[in-house]
Amino acid sequence: MKTEPETIFIEDKKPTLEEMQEFVGGYIEVVTLPDYRQIVINEEGKLLNLPINMIATNLFEKAFGIGADVICGKAMVLDKKALLD
């Protein structure tokens, strides 16, 4: 049985680049949602064949439409004081 990749939600402080890279396990990609939240993901998640992250994918699909894309691997959702410049 595959386990769901971890998704964390951060609102209180901006993570460092190193913290984001360590969490997602590689180079980061930042996806900005229309409500200004940001999802930090592994830039090569699909290429590395990481498992689909349904929590992050559902957030992405709510913003951009069902079937628009899938998020693979761990995801860090940033809001409020944690948003990147």
PDB file of N, CA and C in Angstrom:
ATOM      1  N   MET A   1       0.841  -1.188   0.000  1.00  0.00           N
ATOM      2  CA  MET A   1       0.000   0.000   0.000  1.00  0.00           C
ATOM      3  C   MET A   1       0.886   1.251   0.000  1.00  0.00           C
ATOM      4  N   LYS A   2       0.644   2.139  -0.962  1.00  0.00           N
ATOM      5  CA  LYS A   2       1.409   3.381  -1.017  1.00  0.00           C
ATOM      6  C   LYS A   2       0.865   4.371   0.004  1.00  0.00           C
ATOM      7  N   THR A   3       1.775   5.136   0.581  1.00  0.00           N
ATOM      8  CA  THR A   3       1.334   6.164   1.518  1.00  0.00           C
ATOM      9  C   THR A   3       1.281   7.503   0.803  1.00  0.00           C
ATOM     10  N   GLU A   4       0.369   8.317   1.242  1.00  0.00           N
ATOM     11  CA  GLU A   4       0.186   9.656   0.679  1.00  0.00           C
ATOM     12  C   GLU A   4       1.388  10.530   1.021  1.00  0.00           C
ATOM     13  N   PRO A   5       1.947  11.239   0.025  1.00  0.00           N
ATOM     14  CA  PRO A   5       3.036  12.171   0.339  1.00  0.00           C
ATOM     15  C   PRO A   5       2.557  13.241   1.321  1.00  0.00           C
ATOM     16  N   GLU A   6       3.452  13.662   2.166  1.00  0.00           N
ATOM     17  CA  GLU A   6       3.124  14.642   3.201  1.00  0.00           C
ATOM     18  C   GLU A   6       2.820  16.017   2.607  1.00  0.00           C
ATOM     19  N   THR A   7       1.827  16.677   3.189  1.00  0.00           N
ATOM     20  CA  THR A   7       1.510  18.069   2.867  1.00  0.00           C
ATOM     21  C   THR A   7       1.484  18.827   4.176  1.00  0.00           C
ATOM     22  N   ILE A   8       2.246  19.922   4.246  1.00  0.00           N
ATOM     23  CA  ILE A   8       2.225  20.748   5.450  1.00  0.00           C
ATOM     24  C   ILE A   8       1.735  22.142   5.092  1.00  0.00           C
ATOM     25  N   PHE A   9       1.110  22.794   6.052  1.00  0.00           N
ATOM     26  CA  PHE A   9       0.574  24.142   5.880  1.00  0.00           C
ATOM     27  C   PHE A   9       1.317  25.066   6.836  1.00  0.00           C
ATOM     28  N   ILE A  10       1.888  26.143   6.302  1.00  0.00           N
ATOM     29  CA  ILE A  10       2.667  27.076   7.111  1.00  0.00           C
ATOM     30  C   ILE A  10       2.098  28.473   6.936  1.00  0.00           C
ATOM     31  N   GLU A  11       1.859  29.161   8.052  1.00  0.00           N
ATOM     32  CA  GLU A  11       1.314  30.523   8.022  1.00  0.00           C
ATOM     33  C   GLU A  11       2.149  31.523   8.809  1.00  0.00           C
ATOM     34  N   ASP A  12       3.006  31.041   9.715  1.00  0.00           N
ATOM     35  CA  ASP A  12       3.611  31.949  10.684  1.00  0.00           C
ATOM     36  C   ASP A  12       4.959  32.535  10.296  1.00  0.00           C
ATOM     37  N   LYS A  13       5.750  31.851   9.442  1.00  0.00           N
ATOM     38  CA  LYS A  13       7.041  32.413   9.041  1.00  0.00           C
ATOM     39  C   LYS A  13       7.471  31.845   7.697  1.00  0.00           C
ATOM     40  N   LYS A  14       8.245  32.651   6.962  1.00  0.00           N
ATOM     41  CA  LYS A  14       8.744  32.204   5.668  1.00  0.00           C
ATOM     42  C   LYS A  14       9.802  31.125   5.865  1.00  0.00           C
ATOM     43  N   PRO A  15       9.660  30.021   5.160  1.00  0.00           N
ATOM     44  CA  PRO A  15      10.704  29.006   5.232  1.00  0.00           C
ATOM     45  C   PRO A  15      11.916  29.459   4.412  1.00  0.00           C
ATOM     46  N   THR A  16      13.093  28.980   4.791  1.00  0.00           N
ATOM     47  CA  THR A  16      14.293  29.284   4.015  1.00  0.00           C
ATOM     48  C   THR A  16      14.317  28.384   2.781  1.00  0.00           C
ATOM     49  N   LEU A  17      15.147  28.748   1.818  1.00  0.00           N
ATOM     50  CA  LEU A  17      15.311  27.907   0.636  1.00  0.00           C
ATOM     51  C   LEU A  17      15.763  26.513   1.042  1.00  0.00           C
ATOM     52  N   GLU A  18      16.689  26.449   1.976  1.00  0.00           N
ATOM     53  CA  GLU A  18      17.196  25.158   2.425  1.00  0.00           C
ATOM     54  C   GLU A  18      16.097  24.320   3.072  1.00  0.00           C
ATOM     55  N   GLU A  19      15.242  24.935   3.875  1.00  0.00           N
ATOM     56  CA  GLU A  19      14.129  24.208   4.505  1.00  0.00           C
ATOM     57  C   GLU A  19      13.173  23.667   3.448  1.00  0.00           C
ATOM     58  N   MET A  20      12.876  24.492   2.437  1.00  0.00           N
ATOM     59  CA  MET A  20      11.958  24.048   1.385  1.00  0.00           C
ATOM     60  C   MET A  20      12.570  22.902   0.586  1.00  0.00           C
ATOM     61  N   GLN A  21      13.854  23.030   0.212  1.00  0.00           N
ATOM     62  CA  GLN A  21      14.509  21.982  -0.564  1.00  0.00           C
ATOM     63  C   GLN A  21      14.608  20.681   0.227  1.00  0.00           C
ATOM     64  N   GLU A  22      14.926  20.791   1.496  1.00  0.00           N
ATOM     65  CA  GLU A  22      15.019  19.593   2.332  1.00  0.00           C
ATOM     66  C   GLU A  22      13.665  18.907   2.446  1.00  0.00           C
ATOM     67  N   PHE A  23      12.605  19.691   2.612  1.00  0.00           N
ATOM     68  CA  PHE A  23      11.270  19.106   2.774  1.00  0.00           C
ATOM     69  C   PHE A  23      10.817  18.393   1.506  1.00  0.00           C
ATOM     70  N   VAL A  24      10.950  19.052   0.334  1.00  0.00           N
ATOM     71  CA  VAL A  24      10.456  18.440  -0.908  1.00  0.00           C
ATOM     72  C   VAL A  24      11.437  17.438  -1.494  1.00  0.00           C
ATOM     73  N   GLY A  25      12.678  17.455  -1.005  1.00  0.00           N
ATOM     74  CA  GLY A  25      13.650  16.482  -1.466  1.00  0.00           C
ATOM     75  C   GLY A  25      14.330  16.838  -2.776  1.00  0.00           C
ATOM     76  N   GLY A  26      14.513  18.116  -3.033  1.00  0.00           N
ATOM     77  CA  GLY A  26      15.203  18.506  -4.269  1.00  0.00           C
ATOM     78  C   GLY A  26      14.957  19.962  -4.603  1.00  0.00           C
ATOM     79  N   TYR A  27      15.132  20.280  -5.886  1.00  0.00           N
ATOM     80  CA  TYR A  27      14.874  21.643  -6.362  1.00  0.00           C
ATOM     81  C   TYR A  27      13.397  21.970  -6.181  1.00  0.00           C
ATOM     82  N   ILE A  28      13.117  23.239  -5.859  1.00  0.00           N
ATOM     83  CA  ILE A  28      11.728  23.615  -5.610  1.00  0.00           C
ATOM     84  C   ILE A  28      11.100  24.288  -6.825  1.00  0.00           C
ATOM     85  N   GLU A  29       9.798  24.170  -6.887  1.00  0.00           N
ATOM     86  CA  GLU A  29       8.965  24.940  -7.807  1.00  0.00           C
ATOM     87  C   GLU A  29       7.865  25.544  -6.952  1.00  0.00           C
ATOM     88  N   VAL A  30       7.563  26.821  -7.187  1.00  0.00           N
ATOM     89  CA  VAL A  30       6.520  27.499  -6.418  1.00  0.00           C
ATOM     90  C   VAL A  30       5.342  27.772  -7.347  1.00  0.00           C
ATOM     91  N   VAL A  31       4.181  27.269  -6.959  1.00  0.00           N
ATOM     92  CA  VAL A  31       2.942  27.490  -7.708  1.00  0.00           C
ATOM     93  C   VAL A  31       2.095  28.470  -6.897  1.00  0.00           C
ATOM     94  N   THR A  32       1.741  29.598  -7.505  1.00  0.00           N
ATOM     95  CA  THR A  32       0.910  30.584  -6.822  1.00  0.00           C
ATOM     96  C   THR A  32      -0.545  30.385  -7.238  1.00  0.00           C
ATOM     97  N   LEU A  33      -1.401  30.213  -6.238  1.00  0.00           N
ATOM     98  CA  LEU A  33      -2.830  30.028  -6.484  1.00  0.00           C
ATOM     99  C   LEU A  33      -3.517  31.381  -6.609  1.00  0.00           C
ATOM    100  N   PRO A  34      -4.694  31.430  -7.239  1.00  0.00           N
ATOM    101  CA  PRO A  34      -5.405  32.707  -7.376  1.00  0.00           C
ATOM    102  C   PRO A  34      -5.725  33.389  -6.048  1.00  0.00           C
ATOM    103  N   ASP A  35      -5.812  32.615  -4.954  1.00  0.00           N
ATOM    104  CA  ASP A  35      -6.083  33.227  -3.644  1.00  0.00           C
ATOM    105  C   ASP A  35      -4.791  33.658  -2.941  1.00  0.00           C
ATOM    106  N   TYR A  36      -3.674  33.630  -3.688  1.00  0.00           N
ATOM    107  CA  TYR A  36      -2.351  34.075  -3.250  1.00  0.00           C
ATOM    108  C   TYR A  36      -1.591  33.079  -2.392  1.00  0.00           C
ATOM    109  N   ARG A  37      -2.216  31.980  -1.992  1.00  0.00           N
ATOM    110  CA  ARG A  37      -1.436  30.944  -1.319  1.00  0.00           C
ATOM    111  C   ARG A  37      -0.416  30.402  -2.314  1.00  0.00           C
ATOM    112  N   GLN A  38       0.643  29.836  -1.789  1.00  0.00           N
ATOM    113  CA  GLN A  38       1.684  29.261  -2.635  1.00  0.00           C
ATOM    114  C   GLN A  38       1.902  27.804  -2.250  1.00  0.00           C
ATOM    115  N   ILE A  39       2.099  26.967  -3.260  1.00  0.00           N
ATOM    116  CA  ILE A  39       2.409  25.564  -3.021  1.00  0.00           C
ATOM    117  C   ILE A  39       3.851  25.346  -3.479  1.00  0.00           C
ATOM    118  N   VAL A  40       4.682  24.894  -2.564  1.00  0.00           N
ATOM    119  CA  VAL A  40       6.078  24.584  -2.882  1.00  0.00           C
ATOM    120  C   VAL A  40       6.166  23.077  -3.100  1.00  0.00           C
ATOM    121  N   ILE A  41       6.678  22.697  -4.278  1.00  0.00           N
ATOM    122  CA  ILE A  41       6.754  21.283  -4.641  1.00  0.00           C
ATOM    123  C   ILE A  41       8.145  20.964  -5.187  1.00  0.00           C
ATOM    124  N   ASN A  42       8.409  19.677  -5.369  1.00  0.00           N
ATOM    125  CA  ASN A  42       9.649  19.239  -5.998  1.00  0.00           C
ATOM    126  C   ASN A  42       9.513  19.475  -7.498  1.00  0.00           C
ATOM    127  N   GLU A  43      10.418  20.279  -8.046  1.00  0.00           N
ATOM    128  CA  GLU A  43      10.381  20.635  -9.464  1.00  0.00           C
ATOM    129  C   GLU A  43      10.413  19.405 -10.373  1.00  0.00           C
ATOM    130  N   GLU A  44      11.034  18.331  -9.911  1.00  0.00           N
ATOM    131  CA  GLU A  44      11.177  17.130 -10.726  1.00  0.00           C
ATOM    132  C   GLU A  44      10.326  15.970 -10.211  1.00  0.00           C
ATOM    133  N   GLY A  45       9.273  16.299  -9.459  1.00  0.00           N
ATOM    134  CA  GLY A  45       8.448  15.268  -8.849  1.00  0.00           C
ATOM    135  C   GLY A  45       7.913  14.237  -9.822  1.00  0.00           C
ATOM    136  N   LYS A  46       7.429  14.679 -10.978  1.00  0.00           N
ATOM    137  CA  LYS A  46       6.904  13.734 -11.969  1.00  0.00           C
ATOM    138  C   LYS A  46       8.031  12.939 -12.610  1.00  0.00           C
ATOM    139  N   LEU A  47       9.145  13.621 -12.938  1.00  0.00           N
ATOM    140  CA  LEU A  47      10.275  12.932 -13.559  1.00  0.00           C
ATOM    141  C   LEU A  47      10.854  11.855 -12.648  1.00  0.00           C
ATOM    142  N   LEU A  48      10.805  12.113 -11.337  1.00  0.00           N
ATOM    143  CA  LEU A  48      11.313  11.154 -10.356  1.00  0.00           C
ATOM    144  C   LEU A  48      10.287  10.082 -10.008  1.00  0.00           C
ATOM    145  N   ASN A  49       9.120  10.173 -10.641  1.00  0.00           N
ATOM    146  CA  ASN A  49       8.035   9.216 -10.422  1.00  0.00           C
ATOM    147  C   ASN A  49       7.604   9.165  -8.957  1.00  0.00           C
ATOM    148  N   LEU A  50       7.562  10.347  -8.319  1.00  0.00           N
ATOM    149  CA  LEU A  50       7.079  10.427  -6.942  1.00  0.00           C
ATOM    150  C   LEU A  50       5.570  10.193  -6.939  1.00  0.00           C
ATOM    151  N   PRO A  51       5.023   9.681  -5.856  1.00  0.00           N
ATOM    152  CA  PRO A  51       3.580   9.419  -5.804  1.00  0.00           C
ATOM    153  C   PRO A  51       2.766  10.712  -5.868  1.00  0.00           C
ATOM    154  N   ILE A  52       1.566  10.597  -6.406  1.00  0.00           N
ATOM    155  CA  ILE A  52       0.670  11.756  -6.504  1.00  0.00           C
ATOM    156  C   ILE A  52       0.246  12.192  -5.113  1.00  0.00           C
ATOM    157  N   ASN A  53       0.302  13.485  -4.886  1.00  0.00           N
ATOM    158  CA  ASN A  53      -0.122  14.086  -3.627  1.00  0.00           C
ATOM    159  C   ASN A  53      -1.548  14.597  -3.841  1.00  0.00           C
ATOM    160  N   MET A  54      -2.523  13.854  -3.336  1.00  0.00           N
ATOM    161  CA  MET A  54      -3.923  14.196  -3.596  1.00  0.00           C
ATOM    162  C   MET A  54      -4.358  15.484  -2.893  1.00  0.00           C
ATOM    163  N   ILE A  55      -3.818  15.766  -1.723  1.00  0.00           N
ATOM    164  CA  ILE A  55      -4.193  17.010  -1.032  1.00  0.00           C
ATOM    165  C   ILE A  55      -3.758  18.211  -1.861  1.00  0.00           C
ATOM    166  N   ALA A  56      -2.488  18.228  -2.289  1.00  0.00           N
ATOM    167  CA  ALA A  56      -1.983  19.336  -3.097  1.00  0.00           C
ATOM    168  C   ALA A  56      -2.649  19.373  -4.469  1.00  0.00           C
ATOM    169  N   THR A  57      -2.876  18.205  -5.053  1.00  0.00           N
ATOM    170  CA  THR A  57      -3.541  18.159  -6.364  1.00  0.00           C
ATOM    171  C   THR A  57      -4.955  18.712  -6.264  1.00  0.00           C
ATOM    172  N   ASN A  58      -5.678  18.392  -5.195  1.00  0.00           N
ATOM    173  CA  ASN A  58      -7.037  18.923  -5.025  1.00  0.00           C
ATOM    174  C   ASN A  58      -7.023  20.440  -4.896  1.00  0.00           C
ATOM    175  N   LEU A  59      -6.054  21.001  -4.166  1.00  0.00           N
ATOM    176  CA  LEU A  59      -5.937  22.463  -4.075  1.00  0.00           C
ATOM    177  C   LEU A  59      -5.673  23.066  -5.453  1.00  0.00           C
ATOM    178  N   PHE A  60      -4.782  22.436  -6.209  1.00  0.00           N
ATOM    179  CA  PHE A  60      -4.441  22.905  -7.546  1.00  0.00           C
ATOM    180  C   PHE A  60      -5.664  22.844  -8.469  1.00  0.00           C
ATOM    181  N   GLU A  61      -6.397  21.730  -8.414  1.00  0.00           N
ATOM    182  CA  GLU A  61      -7.570  21.570  -9.275  1.00  0.00           C
ATOM    183  C   GLU A  61      -8.692  22.532  -8.914  1.00  0.00           C
ATOM    184  N   LYS A  62      -8.861  22.853  -7.629  1.00  0.00           N
ATOM    185  CA  LYS A  62      -9.859  23.850  -7.239  1.00  0.00           C
ATOM    186  C   LYS A  62      -9.543  25.199  -7.858  1.00  0.00           C
ATOM    187  N   ALA A  63      -8.258  25.494  -7.974  1.00  0.00           N
ATOM    188  CA  ALA A  63      -7.828  26.780  -8.511  1.00  0.00           C
ATOM    189  C   ALA A  63      -7.816  26.816 -10.034  1.00  0.00           C
ATOM    190  N   PHE A  64      -7.399  25.725 -10.677  1.00  0.00           N
ATOM    191  CA  PHE A  64      -7.145  25.766 -12.115  1.00  0.00           C
ATOM    192  C   PHE A  64      -7.982  24.796 -12.943  1.00  0.00           C
ATOM    193  N   GLY A  65      -8.825  24.013 -12.293  1.00  0.00           N
ATOM    194  CA  GLY A  65      -9.702  23.097 -13.017  1.00  0.00           C
ATOM    195  C   GLY A  65      -9.266  21.649 -12.892  1.00  0.00           C
ATOM    196  N   ILE A  66     -10.250  20.781 -12.906  1.00  0.00           N
ATOM    197  CA  ILE A  66      -9.992  19.345 -12.767  1.00  0.00           C
ATOM    198  C   ILE A  66      -9.240  18.845 -13.994  1.00  0.00           C
ATOM    199  N   GLY A  67      -8.221  18.061 -13.722  1.00  0.00           N
ATOM    200  CA  GLY A  67      -7.416  17.505 -14.807  1.00  0.00           C
ATOM    201  C   GLY A  67      -6.338  18.442 -15.310  1.00  0.00           C
ATOM    202  N   ALA A  68      -6.220  19.632 -14.698  1.00  0.00           N
ATOM    203  CA  ALA A  68      -5.226  20.605 -15.152  1.00  0.00           C
ATOM    204  C   ALA A  68      -3.815  20.074 -14.980  1.00  0.00           C
ATOM    205  N   ASP A  69      -3.564  19.376 -13.894  1.00  0.00           N
ATOM    206  CA  ASP A  69      -2.239  18.815 -13.614  1.00  0.00           C
ATOM    207  C   ASP A  69      -2.325  18.015 -12.322  1.00  0.00           C
ATOM    208  N   VAL A  70      -1.262  17.324 -11.987  1.00  0.00           N
ATOM    209  CA  VAL A  70      -1.164  16.634 -10.706  1.00  0.00           C
ATOM    210  C   VAL A  70       0.123  17.070 -10.025  1.00  0.00           C
ATOM    211  N   ILE A  71       0.091  17.065  -8.707  1.00  0.00           N
ATOM    212  CA  ILE A  71       1.259  17.383  -7.898  1.00  0.00           C
ATOM    213  C   ILE A  71       1.817  16.060  -7.389  1.00  0.00           C
ATOM    214  N   CYS A  72       3.110  15.848  -7.600  1.00  0.00           N
ATOM    215  CA  CYS A  72       3.751  14.602  -7.175  1.00  0.00           C
ATOM    216  C   CYS A  72       4.786  14.893  -6.100  1.00  0.00           C
ATOM    217  N   GLY A  73       4.745  14.117  -5.033  1.00  0.00           N
ATOM    218  CA  GLY A  73       5.685  14.282  -3.939  1.00  0.00           C
ATOM    219  C   GLY A  73       5.141  15.181  -2.844  1.00  0.00           C
ATOM    220  N   LYS A  74       6.010  15.494  -1.891  1.00  0.00           N
ATOM    221  CA  LYS A  74       5.620  16.338  -0.762  1.00  0.00           C
ATOM    222  C   LYS A  74       5.276  17.749  -1.225  1.00  0.00           C
ATOM    223  N   ALA A  75       4.407  18.416  -0.461  1.00  0.00           N
ATOM    224  CA  ALA A  75       4.013  19.780  -0.775  1.00  0.00           C
ATOM    225  C   ALA A  75       3.974  20.622   0.496  1.00  0.00           C
ATOM    226  N   MET A  76       4.396  21.858   0.353  1.00  0.00           N
ATOM    227  CA  MET A  76       4.395  22.824   1.448  1.00  0.00           C
ATOM    228  C   MET A  76       3.482  23.967   1.002  1.00  0.00           C
ATOM    229  N   VAL A  77       2.370  24.169   1.711  1.00  0.00           N
ATOM    230  CA  VAL A  77       1.417  25.221   1.355  1.00  0.00           C
ATOM    231  C   VAL A  77       1.678  26.431   2.249  1.00  0.00           C
ATOM    232  N   LEU A  78       1.972  27.556   1.614  1.00  0.00           N
ATOM    233  CA  LEU A  78       2.315  28.774   2.346  1.00  0.00           C
ATOM    234  C   LEU A  78       1.173  29.771   2.285  1.00  0.00           C
ATOM    235  N   ASP A  79       0.951  30.468   3.400  1.00  0.00           N
ATOM    236  CA  ASP A  79      -0.107  31.471   3.471  1.00  0.00           C
ATOM    237  C   ASP A  79       0.321  32.534   4.497  1.00  0.00           C
ATOM    238  N   LYS A  80      -0.317  33.678   4.433  1.00  0.00           N
ATOM    239  CA  LYS A  80      -0.121  34.782   5.381  1.00  0.00           C
ATOM    240  C   LYS A  80       1.348  35.187   5.492  1.00  0.00           C
ATOM    241  N   LYS A  81       1.928  35.123   6.703  1.00  0.00           N
ATOM    242  CA  LYS A  81       3.315  35.566   6.918  1.00  0.00           C
ATOM    243  C   LYS A  81       4.344  34.659   6.241  1.00  0.00           C
ATOM    244  N   ALA A  82       3.931  33.492   5.787  1.00  0.00           N
ATOM    245  CA  ALA A  82       4.866  32.547   5.180  1.00  0.00           C
ATOM    246  C   ALA A  82       5.039  32.766   3.672  1.00  0.00           C
ATOM    247  N   LEU A  83       4.210  33.636   3.069  1.00  0.00           N
ATOM    248  CA  LEU A  83       4.294  33.830   1.617  1.00  0.00           C
ATOM    249  C   LEU A  83       5.663  34.349   1.208  1.00  0.00           C
ATOM    250  N   LEU A  84       6.147  33.817   0.084  1.00  0.00           N
ATOM    251  CA  LEU A  84       7.445  34.230  -0.449  1.00  0.00           C
ATOM    252  C   LEU A  84       7.288  35.526  -1.240  1.00  0.00           C
ATOM    253  N   ASP A  85       8.346  36.309  -1.285  1.00  0.00           N
ATOM    254  CA  ASP A  85       8.299  37.568  -2.038  1.00  0.00           C
ATOM    255  C   ASP A  85       8.346  37.325  -3.524  1.00  0.00           C
TER     256      ASP A  85
END
